[in-house]
Amino acid sequence: MSQGGPCLWRPLPQSSQAPRDRSKHACCSHRGDVFVLGGRDSGALRDFWKYSVVRNEWTELDCSSEVAPEELEEHTMVAHKGFLYVFGGMMDSSFSSCRFPLWMFDIKKQMWVDPLGGTGWVQTLTPSNRKGHSAVVLGPTMMIYGGFVDVRGSSEELWSFHFDSMSWCLLGGPQQTPQGPGPRHSHSAATFQSSMFVFGGLKGLQEQRDLWKWNNSALMWTCVSTKSGPPRLIGHSAVTYRDSMLIFGGGECRDSPHSCLWKFSFLTQRWSRVSSLPDSRPPGKIHHCCAGIGRGYSPSSVLPAQTGSSLQLGGKYKAFQNRCYPASAFQGLEDAIELQTLNSDGTSSALEHRDSQLISSCSASESRAFRMNGSQEAEEEDFSQHLPDLLLVLGGRPVSHHSPISVWQMTLSDG
């Protein structure tokens, strides 16, 4: 099997002003910040936090208003045009049955808002509460697939929610698309161009390792046939990175989490397992969350491999230190990992011109992001577009009780 370029994993120790460790929570990134909501440690949680990647700081946000969600687990959260949209995850109770499981958070005003301004839903056809479903942003809509629905078990419903009209549409169910992935939950989903890709999860009581594509233009499912790829997985996470999908963690049961990172190329339709650099050991996690930061993880652009910010500077892989300072931020890592390109005769290949360009580009990006952070300009421009490409893994089982949430950072090379 062909390998992807190696990646560098680093744990990011968190201060006491941070959410406690958890699993089955929801997170998403927006303009260089990561939002984390709910989940559970020894019990269900209701707290809501914002993590600044540039400052490596957590801020607790209010979640006590009447229009804020209660304790949630295995819910979803996506960001679109300045708002967070949270769906599902309500605990079974008589109170939950009279609430519709959709909440909105205004990021700029930092407050929860009623999706319909108190008027209530006019539609009679709307999705019910569920857990372990997937939610992704595809153009002007949020796509929700599957999930576990109370006594009905796993669902095969595919719903679209149009952000502008605040309307729901059932695109797929038992009658509409019997040839689709079928009922499942605890799967993953990612988007590329006009399609959504669904991998793995639980179908009934059986773990899956199949990959399905929903074409939102043709309104049809297609099973993507691959000869290799990840094993059967539940509780894993998927993100879109440039023209590929990255899948991390999960396992066949909650007590056997994996630490593997897989990459699926949308262009070649092939899987590859991404190796880790020496002394770079990713954590084994299940029911965690992944958040991508940087232009490579932007849903609006697919970047050529050579334009990404992999931080391969001077022939050495360097981790982004979670603060956007110039090259001094990398001090101390040069001796930790040294990967040099060798010619056939064993001599080093300098690549001086390319490396100087990369150093200049990365330093300028980091400095600009640091200057913009907290400024008025940052409100109008997404300064995360000037950050190196990073993948953060937050929380997940095993949970460290009475400890701050575990955060790991992955930097992927282009090798």
Protein backbone atom coordinates (compact mmCIF):
# COMPACT_ATOMS: atom_id res chain seq x y z
CA MET A 1 0.00 0.00 0.00
CA SER A 2 1.32 3.45 -0.82
CA GLN A 3 2.06 5.67 2.13
CA GLY A 4 1.19 9.32 2.48
CA GLY A 5 3.79 11.83 3.59
CA PRO A 6 4.79 11.43 7.24
CA CYS A 7 3.13 13.57 9.88
CA LEU A 8 4.21 15.07 13.17
CA TRP A 9 2.07 14.58 16.30
CA ARG A 10 2.46 16.70 19.42
CA PRO A 11 0.41 16.90 22.63
CA LEU A 12 -0.59 20.42 23.63
CA PRO A 13 -0.72 20.72 27.44
CA GLN A 14 -3.68 22.81 28.58
CA SER A 15 -3.92 25.19 31.52
CA SER A 16 -6.40 24.92 34.37
CA GLN A 17 -8.66 27.40 32.55
CA ALA A 18 -9.81 24.75 30.10
CA PRO A 19 -12.76 22.38 29.73
CA ARG A 20 -12.47 19.04 31.43
CA ASP A 21 -11.62 15.99 29.37
CA ARG A 22 -14.60 14.35 27.68
CA SER A 23 -15.93 12.14 24.88
CA LYS A 24 -19.00 12.19 22.63
CA HIS A 25 -18.83 15.99 22.42
CA ALA A 26 -19.11 18.23 19.36
CA CYS A 27 -16.63 20.73 17.96
CA CYS A 28 -16.00 22.83 14.88
CA SER A 29 -13.53 25.49 13.78
CA HIS A 30 -14.28 29.02 12.71
CA ARG A 31 -11.71 31.69 11.77
CA GLY A 32 -8.89 30.27 13.87
CA ASP A 33 -11.07 29.37 16.88
CA VAL A 34 -12.38 25.95 17.87
CA PHE A 35 -15.72 25.62 19.67
CA VAL A 36 -16.42 22.65 21.96
CA LEU A 37 -19.88 21.84 23.33
CA GLY A 38 -21.14 19.22 25.78
CA GLY A 39 -20.33 15.54 25.74
CA ARG A 40 -19.71 13.45 28.83
CA ASP A 41 -17.02 12.43 31.29
CA SER A 42 -18.56 10.54 34.19
CA GLY A 43 -21.90 12.17 33.34
CA ALA A 44 -23.51 14.44 30.77
CA LEU A 45 -22.02 17.94 30.35
CA ARG A 46 -23.56 21.24 29.33
CA ASP A 47 -20.54 23.55 29.15
CA PHE A 48 -19.52 25.52 26.07
CA TRP A 49 -15.97 26.69 25.28
CA LYS A 50 -13.97 28.59 22.67
CA TYR A 51 -10.31 27.75 22.05
CA SER A 52 -8.03 30.32 20.41
CA VAL A 53 -5.42 28.40 18.44
CA VAL A 54 -3.14 31.44 18.12
CA ARG A 55 -3.16 32.27 21.84
CA ASN A 56 -3.53 28.70 23.11
CA GLU A 57 -6.28 30.00 25.42
CA TRP A 58 -9.75 28.76 26.37
CA THR A 59 -12.75 30.97 27.08
CA GLU A 60 -15.93 29.60 28.62
CA LEU A 61 -19.07 30.83 26.88
CA ASP A 62 -22.55 31.15 28.31
CA CYS A 63 -24.87 28.21 27.86
CA SER A 64 -27.55 29.06 30.42
CA SER A 65 -30.15 30.98 28.40
CA GLU A 66 -33.56 29.55 27.56
CA VAL A 67 -32.63 29.13 23.90
CA ALA A 68 -29.32 27.38 24.67
CA PRO A 69 -29.08 23.59 24.49
CA GLU A 70 -29.22 21.41 27.57
CA GLU A 71 -26.84 18.50 28.21
CA LEU A 72 -26.02 16.87 24.89
CA GLU A 73 -23.95 13.93 23.75
CA GLU A 74 -23.20 12.47 20.31
CA HIS A 75 -24.57 15.66 18.77
CA THR A 76 -23.14 17.65 15.85
CA MET A 77 -22.02 21.25 15.34
CA VAL A 78 -21.16 23.08 12.11
CA ALA A 79 -20.27 26.69 11.30
CA HIS A 80 -21.77 28.77 8.50
CA LYS A 81 -21.54 32.53 7.88
CA GLY A 82 -20.98 33.60 11.47
CA PHE A 83 -23.31 31.11 13.16
CA LEU A 84 -22.90 27.72 14.79
CA TYR A 85 -25.63 25.15 14.17
CA VAL A 86 -26.02 22.37 16.76
CA PHE A 87 -28.27 19.40 16.07
CA GLY A 88 -29.42 16.35 18.06
CA GLY A 89 -27.88 14.71 21.10
CA MET A 90 -30.69 15.36 23.60
CA MET A 91 -31.00 12.98 26.52
CA ASP A 92 -34.19 10.89 26.62
CA SER A 93 -36.75 12.70 28.75
CA SER A 94 -40.25 14.10 28.60
CA PHE A 95 -38.70 17.56 28.39
CA SER A 96 -36.69 16.64 25.31
CA SER A 97 -39.76 15.41 23.45
CA CYS A 98 -41.23 18.91 23.33
CA ARG A 99 -38.11 20.65 22.03
CA PHE A 100 -36.86 20.66 18.49
CA PRO A 101 -33.19 19.57 18.50
CA LEU A 102 -31.67 22.53 16.64
CA TRP A 103 -29.83 25.44 18.23
CA MET A 104 -28.04 28.48 16.81
CA PHE A 105 -25.16 30.48 18.26
CA ASP A 106 -24.27 33.96 16.98
CA ILE A 107 -20.46 33.96 17.00
CA LYS A 108 -19.98 37.74 16.75
CA LYS A 109 -22.51 38.55 19.48
CA GLN A 110 -21.48 35.45 21.47
CA MET A 111 -25.05 34.53 22.32
CA TRP A 112 -27.55 31.76 21.60
CA VAL A 113 -30.47 32.79 19.40
CA ASP A 114 -33.82 31.23 18.60
CA PRO A 115 -33.58 29.79 15.06
CA LEU A 116 -37.08 31.07 14.22
CA GLY A 117 -37.39 34.00 16.57
CA GLY A 118 -39.96 32.26 18.75
CA THR A 119 -42.42 31.60 15.93
CA GLY A 120 -41.92 27.83 15.90
CA TRP A 121 -41.55 25.48 12.96
CA VAL A 122 -44.28 25.70 10.34
CA GLN A 123 -43.10 22.54 8.62
CA THR A 124 -44.59 19.23 9.67
CA LEU A 125 -41.79 17.20 8.11
CA THR A 126 -38.67 17.74 10.21
CA PRO A 127 -36.02 15.36 11.58
CA SER A 128 -36.43 13.98 15.08
CA ASN A 129 -33.82 13.97 17.81
CA ARG A 130 -30.98 11.52 17.24
CA LYS A 131 -27.45 10.68 18.35
CA GLY A 132 -24.35 9.50 16.55
CA HIS A 133 -25.43 11.07 13.25
CA SER A 134 -23.23 13.15 10.96
CA ALA A 135 -23.63 16.76 9.90
CA VAL A 136 -21.63 18.59 7.22
CA VAL A 137 -21.92 21.87 5.33
CA LEU A 138 -22.46 21.37 1.60
CA GLY A 139 -22.92 24.68 -0.19
CA PRO A 140 -25.87 26.58 1.32
CA THR A 141 -27.12 23.55 3.25
CA MET A 142 -26.36 21.36 6.24
CA MET A 143 -26.58 17.66 5.43
CA ILE A 144 -27.57 15.30 8.25
CA TYR A 145 -27.28 11.57 7.78
CA GLY A 146 -28.25 8.59 9.92
CA GLY A 147 -28.06 8.51 13.70
CA PHE A 148 -29.62 6.49 16.48
CA VAL A 149 -33.28 7.43 17.03
CA ASP A 150 -34.62 6.16 20.39
CA VAL A 151 -36.46 2.83 20.13
CA ARG A 152 -36.35 2.92 16.32
CA GLY A 153 -32.63 2.24 16.33
CA SER A 154 -30.33 3.35 13.54
CA SER A 155 -31.75 5.64 10.85
CA GLU A 156 -30.97 5.83 7.13
CA GLU A 157 -32.59 9.23 6.69
CA LEU A 158 -30.73 11.94 4.81
CA TRP A 159 -31.91 15.46 5.58
CA SER A 160 -30.87 18.80 4.15
CA PHE A 161 -31.32 22.06 6.05
CA HIS A 162 -31.20 25.23 3.95
CA PHE A 163 -29.51 27.98 5.97
CA ASP A 164 -31.17 30.93 4.23
CA SER A 165 -34.76 29.67 4.16
CA MET A 166 -34.44 27.73 7.45
CA SER A 167 -36.29 24.85 5.79
CA TRP A 168 -35.85 21.06 5.95
CA CYS A 169 -36.03 18.53 3.16
CA LEU A 170 -35.95 14.73 3.44
CA LEU A 171 -33.70 13.56 0.59
CA GLY A 172 -33.26 9.92 1.46
CA GLY A 173 -34.98 7.29 3.58
CA PRO A 174 -36.30 3.73 3.34
CA GLN A 175 -38.60 4.63 0.45
CA GLN A 176 -36.32 7.05 -1.35
CA THR A 177 -32.88 5.43 -1.54
CA PRO A 178 -32.81 1.77 -0.52
CA GLN A 179 -29.51 1.36 -2.39
CA GLY A 180 -27.71 3.78 -0.04
CA PRO A 181 -25.55 3.03 3.02
CA GLY A 182 -28.58 1.90 5.01
CA PRO A 183 -29.33 2.55 8.68
CA ARG A 184 -26.22 3.45 10.67
CA HIS A 185 -24.78 5.63 13.39
CA SER A 186 -21.36 6.45 14.87
CA HIS A 187 -20.02 6.89 11.33
CA SER A 188 -18.15 9.82 9.80
CA ALA A 189 -18.83 12.19 6.92
CA ALA A 190 -16.86 14.73 4.88
CA THR A 191 -17.55 16.81 1.78
CA PHE A 192 -15.74 17.46 -1.48
CA GLN A 193 -17.11 19.75 -4.19
CA SER A 194 -20.82 18.82 -4.52
CA SER A 195 -20.62 15.45 -2.77
CA MET A 196 -20.68 13.99 0.72
CA PHE A 197 -18.68 10.90 1.67
CA VAL A 198 -19.80 8.58 4.51
CA PHE A 199 -17.50 5.99 6.03
CA GLY A 200 -17.96 3.13 8.48
CA GLY A 201 -20.15 3.24 11.57
CA LEU A 202 -22.60 0.79 13.07
CA LYS A 203 -25.23 -0.82 10.86
CA GLY A 204 -27.45 -2.63 13.30
CA LEU A 205 -24.95 -4.33 15.59
CA GLN A 206 -22.25 -4.75 12.93
CA GLU A 207 -19.31 -2.39 12.47
CA GLN A 208 -18.71 -1.28 8.87
CA ARG A 209 -15.75 -0.25 6.68
CA ASP A 210 -17.59 0.76 3.50
CA LEU A 211 -17.39 4.14 1.80
CA TRP A 212 -20.39 5.83 0.19
CA LYS A 213 -20.74 8.96 -1.90
CA TRP A 214 -23.84 11.16 -2.01
CA ASN A 215 -23.94 13.29 -5.16
CA ASN A 216 -25.98 16.33 -4.22
CA SER A 217 -26.45 17.34 -7.86
CA ALA A 218 -27.75 13.96 -9.05
CA LEU A 219 -29.41 13.20 -5.69
CA MET A 220 -28.10 9.67 -5.58
CA TRP A 221 -25.83 7.35 -3.57
CA THR A 222 -22.86 5.45 -4.99
CA CYS A 223 -20.77 2.84 -3.20
CA VAL A 224 -17.09 3.68 -3.67
CA SER A 225 -15.24 0.44 -4.35
CA THR A 226 -11.72 0.34 -2.89
CA LYS A 227 -9.34 -2.58 -2.46
CA SER A 228 -7.83 -1.31 0.77
CA GLY A 229 -8.43 1.23 3.47
CA PRO A 230 -9.24 1.53 7.17
CA PRO A 231 -10.62 -1.43 9.12
CA ARG A 232 -14.12 -1.51 10.56
CA LEU A 233 -14.52 1.67 12.59
CA ILE A 234 -16.97 3.42 14.88
CA GLY A 235 -16.46 6.66 16.79
CA HIS A 236 -13.85 7.99 14.36
CA SER A 237 -13.55 11.47 12.82
CA ALA A 238 -13.24 12.65 9.23
CA VAL A 239 -12.19 16.01 7.78
CA THR A 240 -11.57 17.25 4.26
CA TYR A 241 -7.97 18.29 3.61
CA ARG A 242 -7.32 19.81 0.16
CA ASP A 243 -8.41 17.09 -2.30
CA SER A 244 -8.46 14.27 0.26
CA MET A 245 -10.36 13.00 3.28
CA LEU A 246 -8.49 12.30 6.51
CA ILE A 247 -9.90 9.74 8.94
CA PHE A 248 -8.45 9.41 12.42
CA GLY A 249 -9.01 7.12 15.39
CA GLY A 250 -12.10 5.14 16.23
CA GLY A 251 -12.19 1.38 16.69
CA GLU A 252 -14.39 -1.69 16.62
CA CYS A 253 -15.43 -1.06 20.23
CA ARG A 254 -15.05 1.80 22.67
CA ASP A 255 -12.39 0.00 24.72
CA SER A 256 -9.99 -0.54 21.79
CA PRO A 257 -9.31 2.89 20.24
CA HIS A 258 -7.01 3.14 17.22
CA SER A 259 -4.30 5.71 16.61
CA CYS A 260 -4.17 5.37 12.82
CA LEU A 261 -4.47 8.25 10.37
CA TRP A 262 -5.86 7.35 6.93
CA LYS A 263 -6.05 9.45 3.78
CA PHE A 264 -8.51 8.94 0.92
CA SER A 265 -7.75 10.80 -2.30
CA PHE A 266 -10.92 12.04 -3.97
CA LEU A 267 -9.05 12.28 -7.27
CA THR A 268 -7.47 8.82 -7.42
CA GLN A 269 -10.14 7.09 -5.29
CA ARG A 270 -7.39 5.38 -3.28
CA TRP A 271 -6.64 4.96 0.41
CA SER A 272 -3.22 5.31 2.01
CA ARG A 273 -2.17 5.01 5.62
CA VAL A 274 -0.26 8.10 6.78
CA SER A 275 2.90 7.28 8.70
CA SER A 276 4.20 9.25 11.69
CA LEU A 277 7.64 10.72 12.11
CA PRO A 278 10.06 9.02 14.54
CA ASP A 279 9.22 9.67 18.20
CA SER A 280 5.88 11.07 17.07
CA ARG A 281 3.20 8.84 18.51
CA PRO A 282 -0.46 9.75 17.93
CA PRO A 283 -2.96 8.94 20.69
CA GLY A 284 -5.44 6.10 20.51
CA LYS A 285 -8.83 7.85 20.62
CA ILE A 286 -12.49 7.03 20.05
CA HIS A 287 -15.55 9.32 20.24
CA HIS A 288 -13.23 12.31 19.96
CA CYS A 289 -13.45 15.39 17.72
CA CYS A 290 -11.15 16.66 14.98
CA ALA A 291 -10.89 20.27 13.80
CA GLY A 292 -8.85 21.50 10.85
CA ILE A 293 -7.20 24.93 10.87
CA GLY A 294 -5.61 26.67 7.90
CA ARG A 295 -6.27 27.08 4.18
CA GLY A 296 -5.82 23.39 3.42
CA TYR A 297 -8.87 22.61 5.56
CA SER A 298 -11.01 25.37 4.09
CA PRO A 299 -14.14 23.93 2.44
CA SER A 300 -14.14 26.66 -0.18
CA SER A 301 -10.82 25.84 -1.78
CA VAL A 302 -8.82 22.86 -2.96
CA LEU A 303 -5.15 23.76 -2.96
CA PRO A 304 -2.34 22.20 -4.99
CA ALA A 305 -0.04 20.13 -2.83
CA GLN A 306 2.92 22.43 -3.34
CA THR A 307 1.12 25.52 -1.98
CA GLY A 308 0.24 24.07 1.40
CA SER A 309 2.01 25.03 4.61
CA SER A 310 3.52 21.75 5.74
CA LEU A 311 6.36 23.56 7.52
CA GLN A 312 9.08 21.60 5.80
CA LEU A 313 11.72 24.26 6.34
CA GLY A 314 15.37 23.75 5.44
CA GLY A 315 14.81 20.00 5.04
CA LYS A 316 13.42 19.71 8.59
CA TYR A 317 9.83 19.24 9.71
CA LYS A 318 8.81 21.83 12.27
CA ALA A 319 5.65 21.92 14.33
CA PHE A 320 3.54 25.01 14.63
CA GLN A 321 3.96 25.98 18.28
CA ASN A 322 0.34 27.08 18.70
CA ARG A 323 1.38 30.72 18.77
CA CYS A 324 1.98 32.69 15.60
CA TYR A 325 5.46 34.06 16.14
CA PRO A 326 8.29 34.16 13.60
CA ALA A 327 10.89 31.44 13.25
CA SER A 328 11.95 31.63 16.93
CA ALA A 329 8.74 29.76 17.74
CA PHE A 330 10.33 26.64 16.27
CA GLN A 331 13.40 26.81 18.52
CA GLY A 332 14.11 23.53 20.28
CA LEU A 333 12.49 21.34 17.65
CA GLU A 334 15.31 21.42 15.11
CA ASP A 335 17.32 18.82 17.00
CA ALA A 336 14.28 16.69 17.80
CA ILE A 337 13.42 15.67 14.25
CA GLU A 338 15.73 15.99 11.26
CA LEU A 339 14.59 14.68 7.91
CA GLN A 340 16.89 15.61 5.07
CA THR A 341 16.43 14.82 1.40
CA LEU A 342 19.34 12.65 0.22
CA ASN A 343 20.61 12.17 -3.27
CA SER A 344 21.43 8.72 -4.62
CA ASP A 345 25.07 9.18 -3.59
CA GLY A 346 24.09 9.93 0.01
CA THR A 347 24.78 13.67 -0.08
CA SER A 348 22.23 16.19 1.13
CA SER A 349 20.06 18.01 -1.38
CA ALA A 350 20.03 21.66 -0.42
CA LEU A 351 16.98 22.90 -2.31
CA GLU A 352 18.03 26.33 -1.06
CA HIS A 353 15.80 28.41 -3.29
CA ARG A 354 12.63 26.45 -2.50
CA ASP A 355 13.38 26.36 1.23
CA SER A 356 14.03 30.11 1.42
CA GLN A 357 10.69 30.72 -0.26
CA LEU A 358 8.92 28.42 2.20
CA ILE A 359 10.59 30.06 5.20
CA SER A 360 9.64 33.51 3.98
CA SER A 361 6.06 32.45 3.22
CA CYS A 362 5.48 30.67 6.55
CA SER A 363 7.06 33.44 8.64
CA ALA A 364 4.97 36.08 6.90
CA SER A 365 1.80 34.03 7.42
CA GLU A 366 2.48 33.47 11.11
CA SER A 367 3.37 37.10 11.77
CA ARG A 368 0.27 38.33 9.92
CA ALA A 369 -1.99 36.00 11.87
CA PHE A 370 -0.50 37.18 15.15
CA ARG A 371 -0.91 40.84 14.22
CA MET A 372 -4.49 40.32 13.09
CA ASN A 373 -5.53 38.38 16.18
CA GLY A 374 -7.69 40.61 18.34
CA SER A 375 -7.65 43.47 15.83
CA GLN A 376 -10.57 45.05 14.04
CA GLU A 377 -9.23 43.65 10.77
CA ALA A 378 -9.63 40.13 12.14
CA GLU A 379 -13.39 40.69 12.37
CA GLU A 380 -13.57 41.25 8.63
CA GLU A 381 -10.95 38.79 7.39
CA ASP A 382 -10.47 35.15 8.28
CA PHE A 383 -6.94 35.25 9.73
CA SER A 384 -6.95 31.46 10.03
CA GLN A 385 -6.19 31.52 6.29
CA HIS A 386 -2.72 32.79 7.26
CA LEU A 387 -2.03 29.94 9.71
CA PRO A 388 -0.15 26.76 8.91
CA ASP A 389 -2.36 23.75 8.21
CA LEU A 390 -3.07 21.99 11.50
CA LEU A 391 -5.34 19.17 12.58
CA LEU A 392 -6.40 19.20 16.22
CA VAL A 393 -7.73 16.12 18.02
CA LEU A 394 -9.75 17.09 21.09
CA GLY A 395 -10.85 14.75 23.88
CA GLY A 396 -12.18 11.25 23.33
CA ARG A 397 -11.89 7.97 25.18
CA PRO A 398 -9.90 7.11 27.20
CA VAL A 399 -10.93 10.13 29.26
CA SER A 400 -8.58 11.56 31.88
CA HIS A 401 -10.98 12.37 34.69
CA HIS A 402 -10.47 15.61 36.65
CA SER A 403 -7.98 16.80 34.00
CA PRO A 404 -8.14 19.45 31.27
CA ILE A 405 -9.27 18.24 27.86
CA SER A 406 -6.58 16.43 25.90
CA VAL A 407 -5.51 18.27 22.74
CA TRP A 408 -3.17 16.85 20.12
CA GLN A 409 -1.82 18.67 17.08
CA MET A 410 -0.96 17.01 13.78
CA THR A 411 1.07 18.64 11.00
CA LEU A 412 0.95 16.76 7.69
CA SER A 413 3.82 16.88 5.25
CA ASP A 414 3.60 16.65 1.47
CA GLY A 415 6.13 13.87 1.24
